[in-house]
Amino acid sequence: MTIDLLLFASASDALGARSVRLELPEKATVADLRRALASLPGADRIPARSMVARNRVYARDADPVAPGDELALIPPVSGG
């Protein structure tokens, strides 16, 4: 299946885009999404502690990903 992953802040800077299209296997999980993302050039510059949101709720690696889900990579936030 094909999914679009929204990117923000340092993740967007690392990949030079605001979103990426990834191919995932049927019945994919967030962990599969992370593996596909890691294969992209520049992905090594994305903070390892980035969170994935699925339909505007933080997701765990075991959570399923389905066509039509809104998926976003949220890098760690700091500041004050």
N, C-alpha and C. Protein backbone atom coordinates (compact mmCIF):
# COMPACT_ATOMS: atom_id res chain seq x y z
N MET A 1 0.84 -1.17 0.00
CA MET A 1 0.00 0.00 0.00
C MET A 1 0.89 1.23 0.00
N THR A 2 0.36 2.31 -0.52
CA THR A 2 1.07 3.58 -0.57
C THR A 2 0.49 4.52 0.48
N ILE A 3 1.37 5.12 1.28
CA ILE A 3 0.92 6.09 2.27
C ILE A 3 1.73 7.37 2.13
N ASP A 4 1.16 8.46 2.57
CA ASP A 4 1.85 9.74 2.64
C ASP A 4 2.12 10.05 4.10
N LEU A 5 3.36 10.40 4.40
CA LEU A 5 3.78 10.72 5.76
C LEU A 5 4.11 12.21 5.82
N LEU A 6 3.40 12.95 6.66
CA LEU A 6 3.68 14.36 6.85
C LEU A 6 4.92 14.54 7.70
N LEU A 7 5.75 15.52 7.35
CA LEU A 7 7.00 15.78 8.07
C LEU A 7 6.98 17.20 8.62
N PHE A 8 7.56 17.37 9.80
CA PHE A 8 7.62 18.68 10.43
C PHE A 8 9.03 18.95 10.95
N ALA A 9 9.36 20.22 11.07
CA ALA A 9 10.60 20.71 11.71
C ALA A 9 11.84 19.98 11.19
N SER A 10 12.63 19.39 12.08
CA SER A 10 13.91 18.79 11.69
C SER A 10 13.73 17.62 10.72
N ALA A 11 12.62 16.89 10.80
CA ALA A 11 12.38 15.79 9.87
C ALA A 11 12.17 16.33 8.46
N SER A 12 11.42 17.41 8.35
CA SER A 12 11.21 18.05 7.06
C SER A 12 12.52 18.59 6.50
N ASP A 13 13.32 19.21 7.37
CA ASP A 13 14.63 19.72 6.95
C ASP A 13 15.54 18.59 6.48
N ALA A 14 15.56 17.48 7.19
CA ALA A 14 16.44 16.35 6.86
C ALA A 14 16.13 15.76 5.50
N LEU A 15 14.84 15.69 5.16
CA LEU A 15 14.45 15.06 3.89
C LEU A 15 14.15 16.07 2.80
N GLY A 16 14.16 17.36 3.14
CA GLY A 16 13.94 18.39 2.15
C GLY A 16 12.54 18.39 1.57
N ALA A 17 11.56 17.98 2.38
CA ALA A 17 10.18 17.93 1.91
C ALA A 17 9.23 18.04 3.09
N ARG A 18 7.99 18.40 2.82
CA ARG A 18 6.98 18.48 3.87
C ARG A 18 6.22 17.17 4.02
N SER A 19 6.41 16.27 3.06
CA SER A 19 5.79 14.94 3.14
C SER A 19 6.57 14.00 2.23
N VAL A 20 6.44 12.71 2.51
CA VAL A 20 7.04 11.68 1.65
C VAL A 20 6.00 10.59 1.41
N ARG A 21 6.10 9.97 0.27
CA ARG A 21 5.24 8.84 -0.07
C ARG A 21 6.05 7.56 0.13
N LEU A 22 5.49 6.63 0.89
CA LEU A 22 6.17 5.38 1.20
C LEU A 22 5.33 4.19 0.77
N GLU A 23 6.00 3.14 0.33
CA GLU A 23 5.34 1.88 0.02
C GLU A 23 5.48 0.96 1.23
N LEU A 24 4.37 0.48 1.72
CA LEU A 24 4.35 -0.42 2.87
C LEU A 24 3.63 -1.70 2.50
N PRO A 25 3.97 -2.80 3.18
CA PRO A 25 3.25 -4.05 2.92
C PRO A 25 1.81 -3.96 3.44
N GLU A 26 0.93 -4.78 2.90
CA GLU A 26 -0.43 -4.86 3.44
C GLU A 26 -0.32 -5.26 4.91
N LYS A 27 -1.24 -4.81 5.72
CA LYS A 27 -1.25 -5.06 7.17
C LYS A 27 0.01 -4.52 7.84
N ALA A 28 0.50 -3.39 7.35
CA ALA A 28 1.70 -2.77 7.91
C ALA A 28 1.41 -2.18 9.28
N THR A 29 2.50 -1.99 10.03
CA THR A 29 2.43 -1.35 11.34
C THR A 29 3.27 -0.08 11.31
N VAL A 30 3.21 0.67 12.39
CA VAL A 30 4.04 1.87 12.51
C VAL A 30 5.52 1.48 12.44
N ALA A 31 5.88 0.32 12.97
CA ALA A 31 7.28 -0.14 12.88
C ALA A 31 7.69 -0.33 11.42
N ASP A 32 6.80 -0.85 10.57
CA ASP A 32 7.09 -0.98 9.14
C ASP A 32 7.29 0.39 8.51
N LEU A 33 6.47 1.34 8.92
CA LEU A 33 6.60 2.71 8.42
C LEU A 33 7.97 3.27 8.79
N ARG A 34 8.40 3.07 10.02
CA ARG A 34 9.71 3.56 10.48
C ARG A 34 10.85 2.93 9.65
N ARG A 35 10.73 1.63 9.36
CA ARG A 35 11.77 0.97 8.56
C ARG A 35 11.82 1.54 7.14
N ALA A 36 10.66 1.77 6.55
CA ALA A 36 10.62 2.35 5.20
C ALA A 36 11.20 3.76 5.20
N LEU A 37 10.87 4.53 6.22
CA LEU A 37 11.39 5.89 6.33
C LEU A 37 12.91 5.87 6.48
N ALA A 38 13.43 4.94 7.27
CA ALA A 38 14.88 4.87 7.52
C ALA A 38 15.68 4.58 6.26
N SER A 39 15.04 4.04 5.23
CA SER A 39 15.75 3.71 3.99
C SER A 39 15.93 4.92 3.07
N LEU A 40 15.30 6.04 3.39
CA LEU A 40 15.38 7.22 2.54
C LEU A 40 16.67 8.00 2.77
N PRO A 41 17.24 8.58 1.71
CA PRO A 41 18.42 9.43 1.88
C PRO A 41 18.11 10.60 2.81
N GLY A 42 18.97 10.81 3.79
CA GLY A 42 18.79 11.89 4.75
C GLY A 42 18.07 11.48 6.01
N ALA A 43 17.47 10.31 6.01
CA ALA A 43 16.70 9.86 7.18
C ALA A 43 17.58 9.66 8.41
N ASP A 44 18.87 9.46 8.20
CA ASP A 44 19.77 9.29 9.34
C ASP A 44 19.87 10.58 10.17
N ARG A 45 19.41 11.71 9.62
CA ARG A 45 19.44 12.98 10.34
C ARG A 45 18.14 13.26 11.10
N ILE A 46 17.17 12.35 10.99
CA ILE A 46 15.91 12.51 11.73
C ILE A 46 16.13 11.99 13.14
N PRO A 47 15.74 12.76 14.16
CA PRO A 47 15.92 12.30 15.54
C PRO A 47 15.26 10.95 15.79
N ALA A 48 16.00 10.05 16.42
CA ALA A 48 15.50 8.69 16.67
C ALA A 48 14.27 8.69 17.58
N ARG A 49 14.11 9.70 18.40
CA ARG A 49 13.00 9.73 19.34
C ARG A 49 11.75 10.38 18.76
N SER A 50 11.71 10.56 17.46
CA SER A 50 10.52 11.14 16.82
C SER A 50 9.31 10.23 17.04
N MET A 51 8.17 10.86 17.21
CA MET A 51 6.92 10.12 17.40
C MET A 51 6.16 10.07 16.07
N VAL A 52 5.34 9.05 15.93
CA VAL A 52 4.44 8.95 14.78
C VAL A 52 3.02 9.17 15.30
N ALA A 53 2.29 10.02 14.62
CA ALA A 53 0.88 10.22 14.93
C ALA A 53 0.06 9.60 13.80
N ARG A 54 -0.96 8.85 14.19
CA ARG A 54 -1.88 8.23 13.24
C ARG A 54 -3.26 8.80 13.53
N ASN A 55 -3.81 9.50 12.56
CA ASN A 55 -5.11 10.15 12.73
C ASN A 55 -5.14 11.04 13.97
N ARG A 56 -4.04 11.82 14.11
CA ARG A 56 -3.88 12.84 15.14
C ARG A 56 -3.77 12.31 16.56
N VAL A 57 -3.40 11.02 16.70
CA VAL A 57 -3.16 10.41 18.01
C VAL A 57 -1.80 9.73 17.94
N TYR A 58 -0.97 9.93 18.98
CA TYR A 58 0.34 9.27 18.99
C TYR A 58 0.16 7.77 18.89
N ALA A 59 0.98 7.14 18.04
CA ALA A 59 0.87 5.71 17.78
C ALA A 59 2.09 4.98 18.32
N ARG A 60 1.89 3.71 18.64
CA ARG A 60 2.98 2.82 19.06
C ARG A 60 3.44 2.02 17.84
N ASP A 61 4.63 1.46 17.92
CA ASP A 61 5.19 0.71 16.79
C ASP A 61 4.30 -0.46 16.37
N ALA A 62 3.57 -1.06 17.30
CA ALA A 62 2.73 -2.21 16.97
C ALA A 62 1.38 -1.82 16.36
N ASP A 63 1.05 -0.54 16.37
CA ASP A 63 -0.25 -0.11 15.84
C ASP A 63 -0.30 -0.29 14.32
N PRO A 64 -1.46 -0.70 13.80
CA PRO A 64 -1.60 -0.89 12.35
C PRO A 64 -1.68 0.43 11.61
N VAL A 65 -1.30 0.37 10.35
CA VAL A 65 -1.40 1.50 9.42
C VAL A 65 -2.32 1.06 8.29
N ALA A 66 -3.27 1.90 7.95
CA ALA A 66 -4.23 1.55 6.90
C ALA A 66 -4.25 2.64 5.84
N PRO A 67 -4.61 2.28 4.61
CA PRO A 67 -4.76 3.30 3.57
C PRO A 67 -5.76 4.36 4.05
N GLY A 68 -5.45 5.61 3.79
CA GLY A 68 -6.33 6.69 4.19
C GLY A 68 -6.03 7.27 5.56
N ASP A 69 -5.17 6.60 6.36
CA ASP A 69 -4.78 7.16 7.65
C ASP A 69 -4.00 8.45 7.43
N GLU A 70 -4.21 9.42 8.30
CA GLU A 70 -3.36 10.62 8.30
C GLU A 70 -2.16 10.29 9.20
N LEU A 71 -0.98 10.27 8.61
CA LEU A 71 0.24 9.88 9.34
C LEU A 71 1.21 11.05 9.35
N ALA A 72 1.79 11.29 10.51
CA ALA A 72 2.72 12.41 10.65
C ALA A 72 3.88 12.00 11.55
N LEU A 73 5.06 12.47 11.20
CA LEU A 73 6.25 12.24 12.02
C LEU A 73 6.48 13.51 12.83
N ILE A 74 6.50 13.36 14.14
CA ILE A 74 6.62 14.50 15.06
C ILE A 74 7.97 14.41 15.77
N PRO A 75 8.92 15.29 15.42
CA PRO A 75 10.22 15.24 16.09
C PRO A 75 10.10 15.75 17.52
N PRO A 76 11.09 15.42 18.36
CA PRO A 76 11.07 15.91 19.74
C PRO A 76 11.01 17.44 19.78
N VAL A 77 10.31 17.95 20.76
CA VAL A 77 10.15 19.39 20.92
C VAL A 77 10.95 19.84 22.14
N SER A 78 11.65 20.95 22.00
CA SER A 78 12.36 21.50 23.15
C SER A 78 12.22 23.01 23.13
N GLY A 79 12.63 23.61 24.18
CA GLY A 79 12.55 25.06 24.25
C GLY A 79 11.90 25.50 25.54
N GLY A 80 11.63 26.75 25.62
CA GLY A 80 11.04 27.19 26.88
C GLY A 80 10.31 28.49 26.75
